[in-house]
Amino acid sequence: MREEESRSSVMNPEEFLGLVKQRQSVRNYADRPVEKDKLERCLEAARLAPSACNAQPWTFIVVDDSGMKNRLADLTADRWLPLNHWTKQAPVHVVIVVEPGNLTSRMGAKVKKRNFPWIDVGIAAEHFCLQAAAEGLGTCMLGWFKEDKVRALLNVPEAKRIGLIIPVGYPRDESIRPKKRKRILDVVRWNRYS
């Protein structure tokens, strides 16, 4: 009975779905610092994410020093493609380093031909972003950046991979855009693919 009570008091299903609908990629940030306690709750949410064999294959680097953050932001933009030229607006960037899985995770990855640490990092990143949305913060997951230069800038060992960079800040525009997603009928199958 106690477990049922504690689970039911966490959040009702409609509230969670509302949070999921609220989370969006933000590319325009207000000139306002992010409170450390809010960042710490986002990092805690990411830390608590599930991972294959509980490997927790991640390290989070919080870049909140303005000069360092701007240097990092320059490494997310591309002069040939109009990508990520807005990233300096965000006052904080969180860099997720992909760590090797534990022995069990690595063995399972080899047997099943799946890269579990990369899947795990994606789950942790979404936990971070959902908590950020709950805090009134905006985020955008970036996979486009100059990885070798990011690694050098942040003193990440050469053997490590940078999974994602997440700019974080208060959205300049707080309106929620309609989600452009495939219809549920196009992406859900019951019992078999066809």
Protein backbone atom coordinates (compact mmCIF):
# COMPACT_ATOMS: atom_id res chain seq x y z
CA MET A 1 0.00 0.00 0.00
CA ARG A 2 2.80 2.40 0.86
CA GLU A 3 4.51 1.94 -2.53
CA GLU A 4 1.22 2.55 -4.37
CA GLU A 5 0.67 5.75 -2.41
CA SER A 6 4.15 7.07 -3.09
CA ARG A 7 3.95 6.31 -6.81
CA SER A 8 0.53 7.89 -7.24
CA SER A 9 1.54 11.09 -5.48
CA VAL A 10 4.46 11.90 -7.79
CA MET A 11 2.69 13.46 -10.80
CA ASN A 12 -0.53 12.75 -12.60
CA PRO A 13 -0.22 11.43 -16.17
CA GLU A 14 -1.70 14.56 -17.76
CA GLU A 15 0.85 16.77 -15.98
CA PHE A 16 3.71 14.67 -17.34
CA LEU A 17 2.32 14.71 -20.87
CA GLY A 18 1.93 18.49 -20.51
CA LEU A 19 5.62 18.75 -19.57
CA VAL A 20 6.57 16.68 -22.64
CA LYS A 21 4.49 19.01 -24.82
CA GLN A 22 6.12 22.04 -23.17
CA ARG A 23 9.69 20.86 -23.91
CA GLN A 24 10.91 22.23 -27.21
CA SER A 25 14.18 23.15 -28.89
CA VAL A 26 14.90 26.77 -27.98
CA ARG A 27 17.15 28.83 -30.25
CA ASN A 28 16.53 32.31 -28.89
CA TYR A 29 17.51 33.08 -25.28
CA ALA A 30 16.86 36.00 -22.94
CA ASP A 31 19.81 37.86 -21.45
CA ARG A 32 19.29 36.35 -18.01
CA PRO A 33 21.53 34.06 -15.95
CA VAL A 34 20.43 30.57 -14.95
CA GLU A 35 20.25 29.89 -11.23
CA LYS A 36 22.68 27.23 -10.02
CA ASP A 37 20.02 25.32 -8.07
CA LYS A 38 17.97 24.91 -11.27
CA LEU A 39 21.00 23.59 -13.14
CA GLU A 40 21.76 21.22 -10.28
CA ARG A 41 18.23 19.78 -10.43
CA CYS A 42 18.59 19.27 -14.19
CA LEU A 43 21.90 17.50 -13.65
CA GLU A 44 20.35 15.37 -10.90
CA ALA A 45 17.53 14.35 -13.27
CA ALA A 46 20.14 13.36 -15.87
CA ARG A 47 22.21 11.49 -13.29
CA LEU A 48 19.14 9.45 -12.31
CA ALA A 49 18.44 8.35 -15.89
CA PRO A 50 18.40 4.62 -16.56
CA SER A 51 21.28 3.03 -18.45
CA ALA A 52 22.14 -0.41 -19.75
CA CYS A 53 23.42 -2.54 -16.86
CA ASN A 54 23.41 0.64 -14.74
CA ALA A 55 26.66 1.64 -16.45
CA GLN A 56 25.93 5.39 -16.23
CA PRO A 57 28.31 6.07 -19.15
CA TRP A 58 28.36 9.85 -18.98
CA THR A 59 30.19 12.86 -17.65
CA PHE A 60 28.50 16.26 -17.70
CA ILE A 61 30.67 19.35 -18.17
CA VAL A 62 28.83 22.55 -17.22
CA VAL A 63 30.28 25.53 -19.09
CA ASP A 64 29.01 28.70 -17.42
CA ASP A 65 32.08 30.91 -17.67
CA SER A 66 31.09 33.50 -20.29
CA GLY A 67 34.39 33.51 -22.18
CA MET A 68 34.70 29.73 -22.23
CA LYS A 69 31.02 29.35 -23.19
CA ASN A 70 31.48 31.73 -26.14
CA ARG A 71 34.55 29.83 -27.33
CA LEU A 72 32.54 26.61 -27.07
CA ALA A 73 29.59 28.19 -28.91
CA ASP A 74 31.93 29.13 -31.78
CA LEU A 75 32.68 25.41 -32.17
CA THR A 76 28.99 24.59 -32.67
CA ALA A 77 28.56 26.98 -35.61
CA ASP A 78 29.54 26.29 -39.17
CA ARG A 79 30.45 29.01 -41.60
CA TRP A 80 29.36 26.93 -44.62
CA LEU A 81 25.96 25.95 -43.23
CA PRO A 82 23.60 28.23 -41.32
CA LEU A 83 23.66 26.05 -38.21
CA ASN A 84 23.84 27.03 -34.56
CA HIS A 85 24.78 30.70 -35.01
CA TRP A 86 22.50 31.48 -32.04
CA THR A 87 24.32 29.43 -29.40
CA LYS A 88 26.21 32.36 -27.81
CA GLN A 89 22.86 33.66 -26.54
CA ALA A 90 22.50 30.78 -24.08
CA PRO A 91 24.28 31.57 -20.80
CA VAL A 92 25.20 27.93 -20.08
CA HIS A 93 26.21 24.95 -22.20
CA VAL A 94 26.24 21.41 -20.86
CA VAL A 95 28.56 19.03 -22.69
CA ILE A 96 27.89 15.31 -22.33
CA VAL A 97 30.96 13.11 -22.66
CA VAL A 98 30.25 9.49 -23.57
CA GLU A 99 32.08 7.19 -21.18
CA PRO A 100 32.66 3.49 -21.77
CA GLY A 101 30.00 1.22 -20.33
CA ASN A 102 30.78 -1.14 -17.49
CA LEU A 103 31.93 -4.68 -18.29
CA THR A 104 28.39 -6.11 -18.48
CA SER A 105 27.19 -3.30 -20.73
CA ARG A 106 30.21 -3.65 -23.02
CA MET A 107 29.71 -7.41 -23.30
CA GLY A 108 26.01 -6.98 -24.04
CA ALA A 109 26.79 -4.32 -26.63
CA LYS A 110 29.17 -6.68 -28.40
CA VAL A 111 26.73 -9.59 -28.37
CA LYS A 112 23.70 -7.53 -29.41
CA LYS A 113 25.62 -5.16 -31.73
CA ARG A 114 24.17 -2.09 -30.01
CA ASN A 115 26.03 0.95 -28.79
CA PHE A 116 24.42 1.15 -25.36
CA PRO A 117 26.41 4.15 -24.04
CA TRP A 118 25.13 6.36 -26.88
CA ILE A 119 21.55 5.24 -26.23
CA ASP A 120 22.06 5.91 -22.52
CA VAL A 121 23.44 9.41 -23.15
CA GLY A 122 20.34 10.21 -25.21
CA ILE A 123 18.10 9.13 -22.34
CA ALA A 124 20.09 11.17 -19.80
CA ALA A 125 19.97 14.21 -22.11
CA GLU A 126 16.19 13.99 -22.37
CA HIS A 127 15.90 13.70 -18.57
CA PHE A 128 18.00 16.88 -18.35
CA CYS A 129 15.84 18.69 -20.90
CA LEU A 130 12.53 17.64 -19.32
CA GLN A 131 13.69 18.90 -15.92
CA ALA A 132 14.86 22.12 -17.57
CA ALA A 133 11.38 22.57 -19.08
CA ALA A 134 9.87 22.02 -15.61
CA GLU A 135 12.20 24.75 -14.33
CA GLY A 136 11.05 27.21 -17.02
CA LEU A 137 14.33 26.86 -18.92
CA GLY A 138 14.88 26.25 -22.60
CA THR A 139 17.32 23.78 -24.12
CA CYS A 140 18.37 22.48 -27.52
CA MET A 141 20.31 19.26 -28.03
CA LEU A 142 23.18 19.77 -30.47
CA GLY A 143 24.94 17.01 -32.32
CA TRP A 144 26.61 19.37 -34.83
CA PHE A 145 29.93 20.68 -33.50
CA LYS A 146 33.67 20.43 -34.07
CA GLU A 147 34.30 17.50 -31.78
CA ASP A 148 38.11 17.49 -31.80
CA LYS A 149 38.21 21.20 -30.97
CA VAL A 150 35.57 20.85 -28.25
CA ARG A 151 37.58 18.01 -26.75
CA ALA A 152 40.75 20.14 -26.79
CA LEU A 153 39.01 23.23 -25.37
CA LEU A 154 37.55 21.29 -22.42
CA ASN A 155 40.56 19.03 -21.81
CA VAL A 156 38.56 15.89 -22.58
CA PRO A 157 40.87 12.91 -23.19
CA GLU A 158 41.40 12.15 -26.86
CA ALA A 159 39.91 8.65 -26.55
CA LYS A 160 36.57 10.06 -25.33
CA ARG A 161 33.65 11.08 -27.54
CA ILE A 162 31.47 14.14 -27.06
CA GLY A 163 27.87 12.95 -27.31
CA LEU A 164 25.85 16.16 -27.19
CA ILE A 165 26.07 19.82 -26.28
CA ILE A 166 22.98 21.33 -24.66
CA PRO A 167 22.68 25.13 -24.52
CA VAL A 168 20.54 26.16 -21.54
CA GLY A 169 18.83 29.43 -20.69
CA TYR A 170 15.56 31.28 -20.36
CA PRO A 171 13.65 31.42 -23.64
CA ARG A 172 13.23 34.92 -25.04
CA ASP A 173 9.80 33.86 -26.31
CA GLU A 174 7.90 31.66 -23.87
CA SER A 175 5.18 30.56 -26.28
CA ILE A 176 4.99 26.87 -27.06
CA ARG A 177 5.11 26.04 -30.75
CA PRO A 178 2.76 23.35 -32.07
CA LYS A 179 4.60 20.05 -32.40
CA LYS A 180 5.17 18.94 -35.99
CA ARG A 181 5.22 15.20 -35.62
CA LYS A 182 4.05 12.24 -37.65
CA ARG A 183 0.56 11.05 -36.80
CA ILE A 184 0.42 8.34 -34.15
CA LEU A 185 -1.13 6.00 -36.76
CA ASP A 186 2.07 6.39 -38.83
CA VAL A 187 4.47 5.42 -36.06
CA VAL A 188 2.66 2.89 -33.85
CA ARG A 189 2.04 -0.77 -34.66
CA TRP A 190 0.27 -3.26 -32.39
CA ASN A 191 1.60 -6.81 -32.09
CA ARG A 192 3.52 -6.87 -35.40
CA TYR A 193 5.11 -4.46 -37.88
CA SER A 194 2.67 -5.03 -40.74
